[in-house]
N, C-alpha and C. Protein backbone atom coordinates (compact mmCIF):
# COMPACT_ATOMS: atom_id res chain seq x y z
N ALA A 1 107.34 110.39 98.03
CA ALA A 1 106.90 109.11 98.57
C ALA A 1 107.62 107.95 97.87
N ALA A 2 107.85 108.09 96.56
CA ALA A 2 108.49 107.01 95.81
C ALA A 2 109.93 106.80 96.28
N LYS A 3 110.67 107.88 96.46
CA LYS A 3 112.07 107.72 96.90
C LYS A 3 112.13 107.15 98.31
N ARG A 4 111.18 107.54 99.16
CA ARG A 4 111.13 106.99 100.51
C ARG A 4 110.85 105.49 100.46
N ARG A 5 109.91 105.09 99.61
CA ARG A 5 109.56 103.67 99.48
C ARG A 5 110.76 102.86 98.98
N LEU A 6 111.55 103.46 98.08
CA LEU A 6 112.72 102.79 97.53
C LEU A 6 113.96 102.94 98.42
N ARG A 7 113.84 103.74 99.46
CA ARG A 7 114.94 104.02 100.41
C ARG A 7 116.15 104.62 99.70
N ILE A 8 115.87 105.61 98.86
CA ILE A 8 116.93 106.29 98.12
C ILE A 8 117.09 107.69 98.70
N LEU A 9 118.32 108.03 99.06
CA LEU A 9 118.58 109.33 99.68
C LEU A 9 119.22 110.34 98.73
N HIS A 10 119.84 109.88 97.68
CA HIS A 10 120.53 110.77 96.75
C HIS A 10 119.59 111.25 95.66
N ASP A 11 120.06 112.19 94.85
CA ASP A 11 119.21 112.79 93.81
C ASP A 11 119.58 112.36 92.39
N PHE A 12 120.67 111.65 92.20
CA PHE A 12 121.10 111.41 90.82
C PHE A 12 120.28 110.35 90.07
N GLU A 13 119.33 109.69 90.73
CA GLU A 13 118.45 108.75 90.03
C GLU A 13 117.01 109.26 89.95
N ASP A 14 116.81 110.52 90.25
CA ASP A 14 115.45 111.09 90.26
C ASP A 14 114.75 110.93 88.92
N ALA A 15 115.43 111.17 87.83
CA ALA A 15 114.80 111.06 86.51
C ALA A 15 114.40 109.61 86.23
N ALA A 16 115.24 108.66 86.60
CA ALA A 16 114.94 107.24 86.38
C ALA A 16 113.77 106.81 87.25
N ILE A 17 113.72 107.30 88.47
CA ILE A 17 112.61 106.97 89.37
C ILE A 17 111.30 107.53 88.83
N GLU A 18 111.32 108.76 88.38
CA GLU A 18 110.13 109.40 87.82
C GLU A 18 109.65 108.65 86.57
N GLU A 19 110.57 108.25 85.73
CA GLU A 19 110.22 107.50 84.52
C GLU A 19 109.62 106.15 84.89
N ALA A 20 110.22 105.46 85.85
CA ALA A 20 109.71 104.15 86.28
C ALA A 20 108.33 104.31 86.92
N LEU A 21 108.14 105.36 87.71
CA LEU A 21 106.85 105.61 88.34
C LEU A 21 105.76 105.85 87.30
N ASP A 22 106.06 106.64 86.28
CA ASP A 22 105.10 106.90 85.20
C ASP A 22 104.75 105.61 84.47
N MET A 23 105.76 104.78 84.21
CA MET A 23 105.54 103.53 83.49
C MET A 23 104.70 102.57 84.34
N MET A 24 105.00 102.45 85.63
CA MET A 24 104.24 101.55 86.49
C MET A 24 102.81 102.05 86.69
N GLU A 25 102.62 103.36 86.70
CA GLU A 25 101.28 103.92 86.82
C GLU A 25 100.45 103.55 85.58
N ALA A 26 101.05 103.64 84.41
CA ALA A 26 100.36 103.28 83.18
C ALA A 26 100.01 101.79 83.18
N VAL A 27 100.92 100.95 83.63
CA VAL A 27 100.67 99.50 83.69
C VAL A 27 99.52 99.22 84.65
N MET A 28 99.53 99.87 85.80
CA MET A 28 98.52 99.61 86.81
C MET A 28 97.14 100.08 86.34
N PHE A 29 97.06 101.27 85.77
CA PHE A 29 95.76 101.75 85.31
C PHE A 29 95.25 100.94 84.13
N ASP A 30 96.14 100.39 83.33
CA ASP A 30 95.74 99.50 82.25
C ASP A 30 95.14 98.22 82.83
N ALA A 31 95.77 97.69 83.87
CA ALA A 31 95.25 96.48 84.53
C ALA A 31 93.88 96.75 85.14
N LEU A 32 93.71 97.93 85.72
CA LEU A 32 92.42 98.28 86.30
C LEU A 32 91.35 98.41 85.22
N LYS A 33 91.72 98.99 84.10
CA LYS A 33 90.76 99.17 83.01
C LYS A 33 90.33 97.81 82.46
N ARG A 34 91.29 96.90 82.29
CA ARG A 34 90.96 95.56 81.79
C ARG A 34 90.06 94.82 82.77
N ALA A 35 90.23 95.08 84.07
CA ALA A 35 89.41 94.42 85.09
C ALA A 35 88.11 95.19 85.35
N LYS A 36 87.89 96.27 84.60
CA LYS A 36 86.70 97.11 84.74
C LYS A 36 86.55 97.62 86.17
N VAL A 37 87.66 98.10 86.72
CA VAL A 37 87.67 98.67 88.07
C VAL A 37 87.79 100.18 87.94
N PRO A 38 86.91 100.92 88.59
CA PRO A 38 87.03 102.38 88.51
C PRO A 38 88.32 102.84 89.18
N ALA A 39 89.00 103.76 88.56
CA ALA A 39 90.28 104.25 89.08
C ALA A 39 90.20 105.74 89.35
N ASP A 40 90.68 106.13 90.50
CA ASP A 40 90.71 107.53 90.91
C ASP A 40 92.14 107.86 91.29
N ASP A 41 92.69 108.90 90.70
CA ASP A 41 94.09 109.26 90.98
C ASP A 41 94.35 109.57 92.45
N ASP A 42 93.33 109.97 93.19
CA ASP A 42 93.50 110.35 94.59
C ASP A 42 93.27 109.21 95.57
N ASP A 43 93.05 108.01 95.08
CA ASP A 43 92.74 106.86 95.91
C ASP A 43 94.01 106.36 96.61
N LEU A 44 93.99 106.35 97.94
CA LEU A 44 95.17 105.93 98.70
C LEU A 44 95.49 104.45 98.54
N VAL A 45 94.48 103.62 98.35
CA VAL A 45 94.72 102.19 98.13
C VAL A 45 95.49 101.99 96.83
N LEU A 46 95.06 102.71 95.79
CA LEU A 46 95.76 102.60 94.51
C LEU A 46 97.17 103.17 94.59
N LYS A 47 97.36 104.25 95.33
CA LYS A 47 98.70 104.81 95.50
C LYS A 47 99.61 103.83 96.21
N ALA A 48 99.09 103.16 97.23
CA ALA A 48 99.89 102.15 97.94
C ALA A 48 100.27 101.01 97.00
N GLY A 49 99.31 100.55 96.19
CA GLY A 49 99.60 99.50 95.23
C GLY A 49 100.62 99.94 94.20
N LEU A 50 100.50 101.19 93.76
CA LEU A 50 101.46 101.73 92.79
C LEU A 50 102.86 101.77 93.38
N LEU A 51 103.00 102.19 94.62
CA LEU A 51 104.32 102.23 95.26
C LEU A 51 104.90 100.82 95.43
N MET A 52 104.03 99.86 95.72
CA MET A 52 104.51 98.47 95.83
C MET A 52 104.97 97.95 94.47
N LEU A 53 104.22 98.30 93.42
CA LEU A 53 104.61 97.89 92.06
C LEU A 53 105.93 98.55 91.67
N LEU A 54 106.07 99.83 91.98
CA LEU A 54 107.33 100.53 91.69
C LEU A 54 108.49 99.86 92.43
N SER A 55 108.28 99.53 93.68
CA SER A 55 109.33 98.89 94.48
C SER A 55 109.73 97.54 93.88
N HIS A 56 108.75 96.76 93.47
CA HIS A 56 109.04 95.46 92.84
C HIS A 56 109.83 95.67 91.54
N PHE A 57 109.37 96.62 90.72
CA PHE A 57 110.06 96.90 89.47
C PHE A 57 111.49 97.37 89.74
N TRP A 58 111.66 98.27 90.69
CA TRP A 58 112.98 98.85 90.99
C TRP A 58 113.93 97.77 91.49
N ASP A 59 113.43 96.90 92.35
CA ASP A 59 114.27 95.83 92.89
C ASP A 59 114.69 94.83 91.81
N ASN A 60 113.88 94.70 90.76
CA ASN A 60 114.15 93.74 89.69
C ASN A 60 114.49 94.40 88.37
N ARG A 61 114.93 95.65 88.40
CA ARG A 61 115.12 96.40 87.15
C ARG A 61 116.22 95.84 86.27
N GLY A 62 117.10 95.02 86.78
CA GLY A 62 118.12 94.40 85.95
C GLY A 62 117.65 93.12 85.28
N SER A 63 116.48 92.65 85.68
CA SER A 63 115.94 91.40 85.15
C SER A 63 114.99 91.69 83.99
N GLU A 64 115.40 91.27 82.81
CA GLU A 64 114.56 91.49 81.63
C GLU A 64 113.24 90.72 81.75
N ASP A 65 113.28 89.51 82.29
CA ASP A 65 112.06 88.70 82.44
C ASP A 65 111.05 89.38 83.36
N ALA A 66 111.53 89.92 84.49
CA ALA A 66 110.62 90.59 85.43
C ALA A 66 110.01 91.83 84.80
N THR A 67 110.80 92.59 84.07
CA THR A 67 110.30 93.80 83.42
C THR A 67 109.26 93.46 82.36
N ILE A 68 109.53 92.49 81.52
CA ILE A 68 108.59 92.08 80.48
C ILE A 68 107.30 91.56 81.11
N SER A 69 107.43 90.80 82.18
CA SER A 69 106.27 90.25 82.87
C SER A 69 105.37 91.38 83.39
N ILE A 70 105.96 92.39 84.02
CA ILE A 70 105.19 93.51 84.56
C ILE A 70 104.53 94.29 83.44
N VAL A 71 105.28 94.61 82.40
CA VAL A 71 104.74 95.40 81.30
C VAL A 71 103.62 94.64 80.59
N ASN A 72 103.68 93.32 80.59
CA ASN A 72 102.61 92.52 79.99
C ASN A 72 101.41 92.36 80.91
N GLY A 73 101.45 92.97 82.09
CA GLY A 73 100.31 92.95 82.99
C GLY A 73 100.32 91.85 84.03
N ASN A 74 101.41 91.10 84.13
CA ASN A 74 101.53 90.07 85.16
C ASN A 74 102.07 90.72 86.43
N LEU A 75 101.15 91.23 87.23
CA LEU A 75 101.54 92.00 88.40
C LEU A 75 101.83 91.09 89.59
N PRO A 76 102.73 91.53 90.47
CA PRO A 76 103.05 90.74 91.67
C PRO A 76 101.80 90.55 92.54
N ARG A 77 101.77 89.47 93.27
CA ARG A 77 100.62 89.11 94.10
C ARG A 77 100.25 90.21 95.10
N ASN A 78 101.24 90.84 95.73
CA ASN A 78 100.93 91.88 96.72
C ASN A 78 100.27 93.09 96.07
N VAL A 79 100.61 93.38 94.83
CA VAL A 79 99.97 94.49 94.11
C VAL A 79 98.55 94.10 93.73
N LEU A 80 98.37 92.86 93.28
CA LEU A 80 97.03 92.39 92.94
C LEU A 80 96.09 92.44 94.13
N MET A 81 96.64 92.21 95.33
CA MET A 81 95.83 92.29 96.53
C MET A 81 95.21 93.69 96.67
N PHE A 82 96.00 94.72 96.40
CA PHE A 82 95.49 96.09 96.48
C PHE A 82 94.46 96.34 95.38
N LEU A 83 94.73 95.87 94.18
CA LEU A 83 93.81 96.09 93.07
C LEU A 83 92.49 95.34 93.30
N ASN A 84 92.56 94.16 93.87
CA ASN A 84 91.35 93.38 94.12
C ASN A 84 90.44 94.07 95.14
N ARG A 85 91.00 94.87 96.01
CA ARG A 85 90.18 95.62 96.97
C ARG A 85 89.30 96.64 96.26
N LYS A 86 89.66 97.01 95.05
CA LYS A 86 88.90 98.02 94.32
C LYS A 86 87.78 97.41 93.47
N ARG A 87 87.77 96.09 93.33
CA ARG A 87 86.75 95.47 92.50
C ARG A 87 85.40 95.50 93.21
N LYS A 88 84.38 95.73 92.44
CA LYS A 88 83.03 95.73 92.97
C LYS A 88 82.45 94.32 92.76
N LEU A 89 81.97 93.73 93.84
CA LEU A 89 81.37 92.41 93.73
C LEU A 89 79.97 92.54 93.15
N THR A 90 79.64 91.65 92.23
CA THR A 90 78.30 91.65 91.64
C THR A 90 77.75 90.24 91.66
N LEU A 91 76.46 90.14 91.73
CA LEU A 91 75.80 88.84 91.67
C LEU A 91 75.43 88.56 90.23
N ALA A 92 75.70 87.37 89.78
CA ALA A 92 75.40 87.01 88.39
C ALA A 92 73.98 86.53 88.25
């Protein structure tokens, strides 16, 4: 699914894609934990958000600022949209 999302047909970047996917998954689950959002590995909404985050990272992988921003938890707006769908609304 990741290679399809990135529109990559060859195999020589498979290791880099797998590494980036693992890193983006860790960043996303960290963001969910900080937001106190329950995370399930089988959740399709989270998988879609993860693929969008991977795509953003891959498209900007030459930019040190974009990479540092993502690793520090500053996620792109479209990814946050998916994560916000997982938040449980509560009345204070």
